Amino acid sequence: MSLSIHTTVLPHDDPDASLAFYRDTLGFEVRSDFGEGAMRWITVGPADQPDVTILLAPPAADPGVTDDERRTILEMMAKGTYGWILLATDDLDGTFERVQASNAEVIQEPMQQPYGMRDCAFRDPAGNQIRIRELA
């Protein structure tokens, strides 16, 4: 059996702000943008990795989610504890400067971690944690 990672999902609460962050700040290409208003499903990804996609989706849009669960999801998003992703770059300092210049919320400046990785972290407009590690 052969499996590959195709799509990962991150919630958004402002599709235009999320689109601007992933497209303009991170430099991802927009692959699709469906829906209207806050109910938009947007796919983005690195131009040189056409088989890897991030789906930016309205939180708790599934009709099976209860009102209590929906409130919990929104509370977790507000705290930045609901969604996160780990990206990688060969130029961590340059990437950090570019993202920081966009006024994204800095969680952690570039630093060497005790487990061997050098990384930094930001929050996207929806509060998702975006960790960026340096490729060795």
N, C-alpha and C. Protein backbone atom coordinates (compact mmCIF):
# COMPACT_ATOMS: atom_id res chain seq x y z
N MET A 1 0.85 -1.18 0.00
CA MET A 1 0.00 0.00 0.00
C MET A 1 0.89 1.24 0.00
N SER A 2 0.52 2.22 -0.78
CA SER A 2 1.25 3.48 -0.86
C SER A 2 0.30 4.62 -0.52
N LEU A 3 0.64 5.40 0.49
CA LEU A 3 -0.17 6.55 0.89
C LEU A 3 0.67 7.81 0.79
N SER A 4 0.02 8.91 0.49
CA SER A 4 0.71 10.21 0.50
C SER A 4 -0.20 11.22 1.17
N ILE A 5 0.40 12.28 1.67
CA ILE A 5 -0.38 13.36 2.26
C ILE A 5 -0.83 14.26 1.11
N HIS A 6 -2.14 14.45 1.02
CA HIS A 6 -2.69 15.26 -0.06
C HIS A 6 -3.18 16.61 0.45
N THR A 7 -4.03 16.58 1.49
CA THR A 7 -4.65 17.81 1.99
C THR A 7 -4.68 17.79 3.50
N THR A 8 -4.39 18.94 4.08
CA THR A 8 -4.61 19.14 5.50
C THR A 8 -5.55 20.32 5.64
N VAL A 9 -6.31 20.36 6.71
CA VAL A 9 -7.36 21.38 6.87
C VAL A 9 -7.03 22.29 8.04
N LEU A 10 -7.16 23.59 7.81
CA LEU A 10 -7.06 24.59 8.86
C LEU A 10 -8.32 25.45 8.81
N PRO A 11 -8.85 25.82 9.97
CA PRO A 11 -10.05 26.65 9.97
C PRO A 11 -9.72 28.12 9.70
N HIS A 12 -10.69 28.84 9.20
CA HIS A 12 -10.58 30.29 9.06
C HIS A 12 -11.86 30.92 9.61
N ASP A 13 -11.73 32.15 10.10
CA ASP A 13 -12.93 32.89 10.50
C ASP A 13 -13.05 34.18 9.70
N ASP A 14 -12.08 34.43 8.83
CA ASP A 14 -12.11 35.57 7.91
C ASP A 14 -11.41 35.11 6.64
N PRO A 15 -12.18 34.63 5.66
CA PRO A 15 -11.55 34.05 4.49
C PRO A 15 -10.63 35.01 3.73
N ASP A 16 -10.99 36.28 3.67
CA ASP A 16 -10.15 37.24 2.95
C ASP A 16 -8.80 37.44 3.65
N ALA A 17 -8.82 37.54 4.98
CA ALA A 17 -7.57 37.70 5.73
C ALA A 17 -6.71 36.44 5.62
N SER A 18 -7.34 35.28 5.71
CA SER A 18 -6.58 34.03 5.58
C SER A 18 -6.00 33.89 4.18
N LEU A 19 -6.79 34.21 3.17
CA LEU A 19 -6.30 34.15 1.80
C LEU A 19 -5.10 35.06 1.61
N ALA A 20 -5.18 36.29 2.11
CA ALA A 20 -4.06 37.23 1.98
C ALA A 20 -2.82 36.69 2.69
N PHE A 21 -2.98 36.10 3.87
CA PHE A 21 -1.83 35.58 4.61
C PHE A 21 -1.15 34.45 3.86
N TYR A 22 -1.92 33.47 3.43
CA TYR A 22 -1.32 32.29 2.79
C TYR A 22 -0.81 32.60 1.38
N ARG A 23 -1.50 33.49 0.66
CA ARG A 23 -1.09 33.83 -0.70
C ARG A 23 0.02 34.89 -0.68
N ASP A 24 -0.24 36.01 -0.02
CA ASP A 24 0.67 37.16 -0.11
C ASP A 24 1.86 37.06 0.84
N THR A 25 1.63 36.57 2.04
CA THR A 25 2.72 36.49 3.02
C THR A 25 3.55 35.23 2.84
N LEU A 26 2.89 34.07 2.77
CA LEU A 26 3.63 32.81 2.64
C LEU A 26 3.97 32.48 1.19
N GLY A 27 3.32 33.12 0.25
CA GLY A 27 3.63 32.90 -1.15
C GLY A 27 3.01 31.66 -1.78
N PHE A 28 1.99 31.09 -1.14
CA PHE A 28 1.34 29.91 -1.71
C PHE A 28 0.43 30.33 -2.86
N GLU A 29 0.27 29.40 -3.82
CA GLU A 29 -0.67 29.66 -4.91
C GLU A 29 -2.07 29.27 -4.46
N VAL A 30 -3.05 30.00 -4.98
CA VAL A 30 -4.45 29.69 -4.71
C VAL A 30 -4.91 28.69 -5.76
N ARG A 31 -5.42 27.57 -5.30
CA ARG A 31 -5.85 26.51 -6.21
C ARG A 31 -7.35 26.49 -6.42
N SER A 32 -8.10 26.89 -5.42
CA SER A 32 -9.56 27.00 -5.58
C SER A 32 -10.11 27.91 -4.49
N ASP A 33 -11.28 28.47 -4.75
CA ASP A 33 -11.95 29.36 -3.80
C ASP A 33 -13.45 29.24 -4.09
N PHE A 34 -14.15 28.45 -3.26
CA PHE A 34 -15.57 28.19 -3.47
C PHE A 34 -16.38 28.71 -2.30
N GLY A 35 -17.59 29.11 -2.58
CA GLY A 35 -18.51 29.58 -1.56
C GLY A 35 -18.57 31.08 -1.57
N GLU A 36 -19.22 31.62 -0.54
CA GLU A 36 -19.34 33.08 -0.44
C GLU A 36 -19.41 33.48 1.02
N GLY A 37 -19.09 34.74 1.27
CA GLY A 37 -19.09 35.24 2.63
C GLY A 37 -18.13 34.46 3.50
N ALA A 38 -18.54 34.18 4.73
CA ALA A 38 -17.69 33.41 5.65
C ALA A 38 -17.68 31.93 5.31
N MET A 39 -18.60 31.49 4.46
CA MET A 39 -18.69 30.06 4.10
C MET A 39 -17.92 29.81 2.80
N ARG A 40 -16.60 30.02 2.88
CA ARG A 40 -15.73 29.79 1.73
C ARG A 40 -14.73 28.69 2.05
N TRP A 41 -14.48 27.84 1.07
CA TRP A 41 -13.48 26.79 1.15
C TRP A 41 -12.40 27.15 0.15
N ILE A 42 -11.19 27.40 0.67
CA ILE A 42 -10.08 27.89 -0.16
C ILE A 42 -8.95 26.88 -0.07
N THR A 43 -8.41 26.48 -1.22
CA THR A 43 -7.24 25.61 -1.19
C THR A 43 -6.04 26.39 -1.69
N VAL A 44 -4.93 26.20 -0.97
CA VAL A 44 -3.66 26.85 -1.30
C VAL A 44 -2.55 25.82 -1.15
N GLY A 45 -1.41 26.13 -1.73
CA GLY A 45 -0.27 25.24 -1.58
C GLY A 45 0.94 25.80 -2.28
N PRO A 46 2.11 25.21 -1.99
CA PRO A 46 3.33 25.66 -2.65
C PRO A 46 3.29 25.32 -4.14
N ALA A 47 3.71 26.26 -4.98
CA ALA A 47 3.66 26.07 -6.43
C ALA A 47 4.48 24.85 -6.86
N ASP A 48 5.58 24.57 -6.16
CA ASP A 48 6.44 23.45 -6.57
C ASP A 48 6.01 22.12 -5.94
N GLN A 49 4.87 22.10 -5.24
CA GLN A 49 4.34 20.87 -4.66
C GLN A 49 2.85 20.78 -4.99
N PRO A 50 2.51 20.50 -6.25
CA PRO A 50 1.10 20.51 -6.65
C PRO A 50 0.25 19.44 -5.99
N ASP A 51 0.86 18.43 -5.40
CA ASP A 51 0.10 17.36 -4.76
C ASP A 51 -0.12 17.58 -3.27
N VAL A 52 0.34 18.72 -2.74
CA VAL A 52 0.18 19.02 -1.31
C VAL A 52 -0.68 20.29 -1.19
N THR A 53 -1.78 20.18 -0.43
CA THR A 53 -2.74 21.27 -0.36
C THR A 53 -3.15 21.54 1.08
N ILE A 54 -3.36 22.81 1.37
CA ILE A 54 -3.98 23.23 2.63
C ILE A 54 -5.38 23.72 2.28
N LEU A 55 -6.37 23.13 2.93
CA LEU A 55 -7.75 23.58 2.77
C LEU A 55 -8.08 24.52 3.92
N LEU A 56 -8.36 25.76 3.60
CA LEU A 56 -8.81 26.74 4.59
C LEU A 56 -10.33 26.68 4.57
N ALA A 57 -10.91 26.27 5.69
CA ALA A 57 -12.34 25.97 5.71
C ALA A 57 -13.03 26.68 6.87
N PRO A 58 -14.33 26.95 6.70
CA PRO A 58 -15.08 27.52 7.83
C PRO A 58 -15.12 26.50 8.97
N PRO A 59 -14.89 26.95 10.19
CA PRO A 59 -14.88 26.01 11.30
C PRO A 59 -16.28 25.46 11.58
N ALA A 60 -16.30 24.20 11.90
CA ALA A 60 -17.54 23.54 12.35
C ALA A 60 -18.67 23.67 11.34
N ALA A 61 -18.35 23.68 10.04
CA ALA A 61 -19.39 23.77 9.02
C ALA A 61 -20.14 22.46 8.85
N ASP A 62 -19.61 21.39 9.40
CA ASP A 62 -20.24 20.08 9.30
C ASP A 62 -21.59 20.11 10.02
N PRO A 63 -22.66 19.68 9.37
CA PRO A 63 -23.97 19.72 10.03
C PRO A 63 -24.07 18.80 11.24
N GLY A 64 -23.13 17.87 11.40
CA GLY A 64 -23.14 16.96 12.55
C GLY A 64 -22.55 17.57 13.81
N VAL A 65 -21.99 18.78 13.71
CA VAL A 65 -21.38 19.44 14.87
C VAL A 65 -22.48 20.13 15.67
N THR A 66 -22.51 19.86 16.96
CA THR A 66 -23.52 20.47 17.82
C THR A 66 -23.18 21.93 18.11
N ASP A 67 -24.14 22.67 18.63
CA ASP A 67 -23.89 24.07 19.00
C ASP A 67 -22.81 24.16 20.07
N ASP A 68 -22.84 23.24 21.05
CA ASP A 68 -21.80 23.24 22.09
C ASP A 68 -20.42 22.98 21.49
N GLU A 69 -20.34 22.03 20.58
CA GLU A 69 -19.05 21.74 19.93
C GLU A 69 -18.58 22.94 19.10
N ARG A 70 -19.51 23.58 18.42
CA ARG A 70 -19.18 24.76 17.61
C ARG A 70 -18.61 25.86 18.51
N ARG A 71 -19.22 26.10 19.65
CA ARG A 71 -18.72 27.11 20.60
C ARG A 71 -17.31 26.74 21.09
N THR A 72 -17.11 25.46 21.38
CA THR A 72 -15.79 25.00 21.84
C THR A 72 -14.73 25.23 20.76
N ILE A 73 -15.07 24.91 19.53
CA ILE A 73 -14.14 25.11 18.42
C ILE A 73 -13.78 26.59 18.31
N LEU A 74 -14.77 27.48 18.34
CA LEU A 74 -14.50 28.91 18.24
C LEU A 74 -13.67 29.42 19.41
N GLU A 75 -13.92 28.90 20.61
CA GLU A 75 -13.11 29.27 21.78
C GLU A 75 -11.66 28.82 21.61
N MET A 76 -11.48 27.60 21.11
CA MET A 76 -10.12 27.08 20.91
C MET A 76 -9.40 27.87 19.81
N MET A 77 -10.12 28.23 18.76
CA MET A 77 -9.50 29.06 17.71
C MET A 77 -9.05 30.39 18.29
N ALA A 78 -9.87 31.01 19.11
CA ALA A 78 -9.53 32.31 19.70
C ALA A 78 -8.28 32.22 20.58
N LYS A 79 -8.08 31.07 21.21
CA LYS A 79 -6.89 30.86 22.05
C LYS A 79 -5.70 30.37 21.24
N GLY A 80 -5.92 29.99 20.00
CA GLY A 80 -4.85 29.47 19.17
C GLY A 80 -4.49 28.03 19.47
N THR A 81 -5.45 27.27 19.98
CA THR A 81 -5.17 25.88 20.35
C THR A 81 -5.93 24.88 19.48
N TYR A 82 -6.56 25.32 18.41
CA TYR A 82 -7.37 24.40 17.61
C TYR A 82 -6.59 23.82 16.43
N GLY A 83 -5.98 24.66 15.60
CA GLY A 83 -5.29 24.16 14.42
C GLY A 83 -3.84 24.63 14.36
N TRP A 84 -2.99 23.79 13.77
CA TRP A 84 -1.61 24.21 13.55
C TRP A 84 -1.00 23.37 12.44
N ILE A 85 0.09 23.88 11.89
CA ILE A 85 0.79 23.20 10.82
C ILE A 85 2.28 23.48 10.95
N LEU A 86 3.09 22.54 10.53
CA LEU A 86 4.55 22.69 10.53
C LEU A 86 5.03 22.77 9.09
N LEU A 87 5.62 23.91 8.74
CA LEU A 87 6.19 24.12 7.41
C LEU A 87 7.70 24.06 7.51
N ALA A 88 8.38 24.02 6.38
CA ALA A 88 9.85 23.94 6.38
C ALA A 88 10.41 24.89 5.33
N THR A 89 11.59 25.42 5.60
CA THR A 89 12.27 26.32 4.68
C THR A 89 13.77 26.13 4.79
N ASP A 90 14.48 26.47 3.72
CA ASP A 90 15.94 26.43 3.78
C ASP A 90 16.51 27.78 4.22
N ASP A 91 15.65 28.80 4.43
CA ASP A 91 16.08 30.12 4.87
C ASP A 91 15.16 30.60 5.99
N LEU A 92 15.37 30.09 7.18
CA LEU A 92 14.49 30.41 8.30
C LEU A 92 14.53 31.90 8.65
N ASP A 93 15.72 32.48 8.68
CA ASP A 93 15.81 33.89 9.06
C ASP A 93 15.11 34.79 8.05
N GLY A 94 15.32 34.53 6.76
CA GLY A 94 14.67 35.32 5.72
C GLY A 94 13.16 35.14 5.74
N THR A 95 12.72 33.90 5.95
CA THR A 95 11.28 33.62 6.02
C THR A 95 10.67 34.30 7.23
N PHE A 96 11.37 34.23 8.37
CA PHE A 96 10.88 34.90 9.57
C PHE A 96 10.71 36.40 9.32
N GLU A 97 11.71 37.03 8.72
CA GLU A 97 11.63 38.47 8.46
C GLU A 97 10.45 38.81 7.56
N ARG A 98 10.23 38.00 6.52
CA ARG A 98 9.12 38.25 5.60
C ARG A 98 7.77 38.13 6.31
N VAL A 99 7.60 37.07 7.09
CA VAL A 99 6.32 36.88 7.78
C VAL A 99 6.13 37.95 8.86
N GLN A 100 7.19 38.25 9.58
CA GLN A 100 7.10 39.28 10.62
C GLN A 100 6.73 40.63 10.02
N ALA A 101 7.25 40.96 8.84
CA ALA A 101 6.96 42.23 8.18
C ALA A 101 5.49 42.36 7.80
N SER A 102 4.78 41.23 7.73
CA SER A 102 3.35 41.25 7.39
C SER A 102 2.49 41.59 8.60
N ASN A 103 3.12 41.79 9.73
CA ASN A 103 2.43 42.05 11.00
C ASN A 103 1.71 40.82 11.56
N ALA A 104 2.12 39.63 11.11
CA ALA A 104 1.58 38.41 11.71
C ALA A 104 2.03 38.35 13.17
N GLU A 105 1.21 37.76 14.01
CA GLU A 105 1.56 37.65 15.42
C GLU A 105 2.70 36.65 15.60
N VAL A 106 3.82 37.13 16.15
CA VAL A 106 4.98 36.28 16.40
C VAL A 106 4.76 35.53 17.71
N ILE A 107 4.88 34.22 17.67
CA ILE A 107 4.81 33.41 18.88
C ILE A 107 6.22 33.13 19.39
N GLN A 108 7.12 32.85 18.45
CA GLN A 108 8.50 32.52 18.82
C GLN A 108 9.44 32.93 17.69
N GLU A 109 10.46 33.68 18.04
CA GLU A 109 11.50 34.03 17.07
C GLU A 109 12.34 32.80 16.77
N PRO A 110 13.12 32.82 15.67
CA PRO A 110 13.94 31.65 15.35
C PRO A 110 14.85 31.27 16.52
N MET A 111 14.85 29.99 16.84
CA MET A 111 15.70 29.49 17.92
C MET A 111 15.98 28.01 17.73
N GLN A 112 17.08 27.59 18.30
CA GLN A 112 17.46 26.17 18.28
C GLN A 112 16.69 25.46 19.38
N GLN A 113 15.96 24.41 19.03
CA GLN A 113 15.18 23.65 20.00
C GLN A 113 16.06 22.56 20.62
N PRO A 114 15.77 22.15 21.85
CA PRO A 114 16.57 21.11 22.50
C PRO A 114 16.50 19.75 21.79
N TYR A 115 15.47 19.55 20.95
CA TYR A 115 15.34 18.29 20.23
C TYR A 115 16.00 18.34 18.85
N GLY A 116 16.80 19.40 18.60
CA GLY A 116 17.64 19.43 17.41
C GLY A 116 17.15 20.28 16.26
N MET A 117 15.94 20.75 16.28
CA MET A 117 15.39 21.52 15.19
C MET A 117 15.50 23.01 15.49
N ARG A 118 15.76 23.82 14.47
CA ARG A 118 15.72 25.27 14.60
C ARG A 118 14.42 25.72 13.94
N ASP A 119 13.60 26.49 14.67
CA ASP A 119 12.31 26.90 14.12
C ASP A 119 11.83 28.21 14.71
N CYS A 120 10.69 28.68 14.18
CA CYS A 120 10.02 29.87 14.69
C CYS A 120 8.52 29.60 14.60
N ALA A 121 7.71 30.51 15.12
CA ALA A 121 6.26 30.28 15.09
C ALA A 121 5.50 31.60 15.02
N PHE A 122 4.37 31.54 14.29
CA PHE A 122 3.46 32.67 14.13
C PHE A 122 2.04 32.17 14.32
N ARG A 123 1.10 33.11 14.35
CA ARG A 123 -0.32 32.79 14.26
C ARG A 123 -0.84 33.37 12.95
N ASP A 124 -1.67 32.60 12.27
CA ASP A 124 -2.32 33.13 11.08
C ASP A 124 -3.52 33.97 11.52
N PRO A 125 -4.24 34.62 10.61
CA PRO A 125 -5.36 35.48 11.02
C PRO A 125 -6.45 34.79 11.82
N ALA A 126 -6.59 33.46 11.69
CA ALA A 126 -7.61 32.72 12.44
C ALA A 126 -7.09 32.22 13.78
N GLY A 127 -5.81 32.46 14.08
CA GLY A 127 -5.24 32.00 15.35
C GLY A 127 -4.49 30.69 15.23
N ASN A 128 -4.49 30.05 14.06
CA ASN A 128 -3.77 28.79 13.88
C ASN A 128 -2.27 29.03 14.05
N GLN A 129 -1.62 28.10 14.72
CA GLN A 129 -0.18 28.19 14.89
C GLN A 129 0.53 27.71 13.62
N ILE A 130 1.40 28.55 13.10
CA ILE A 130 2.21 28.20 11.94
C ILE A 130 3.65 28.10 12.42
N ARG A 131 4.15 26.90 12.54
CA ARG A 131 5.55 26.69 12.92
C ARG A 131 6.33 26.49 11.64
N ILE A 132 7.50 27.09 11.58
CA ILE A 132 8.34 26.97 10.39
C ILE A 132 9.71 26.50 10.86
N ARG A 133 10.12 25.34 10.35
CA ARG A 133 11.40 24.77 10.73
C ARG A 133 12.41 24.97 9.62
N GLU A 134 13.66 25.02 10.03
CA GLU A 134 14.74 25.16 9.06
C GLU A 134 15.18 23.78 8.61
N LEU A 135 15.27 23.60 7.28
CA LEU A 135 15.76 22.34 6.75
C LEU A 135 17.27 22.27 7.00
N ALA A 136 17.71 21.11 7.42
CA ALA A 136 19.14 20.96 7.74
C ALA A 136 19.97 20.84 6.47
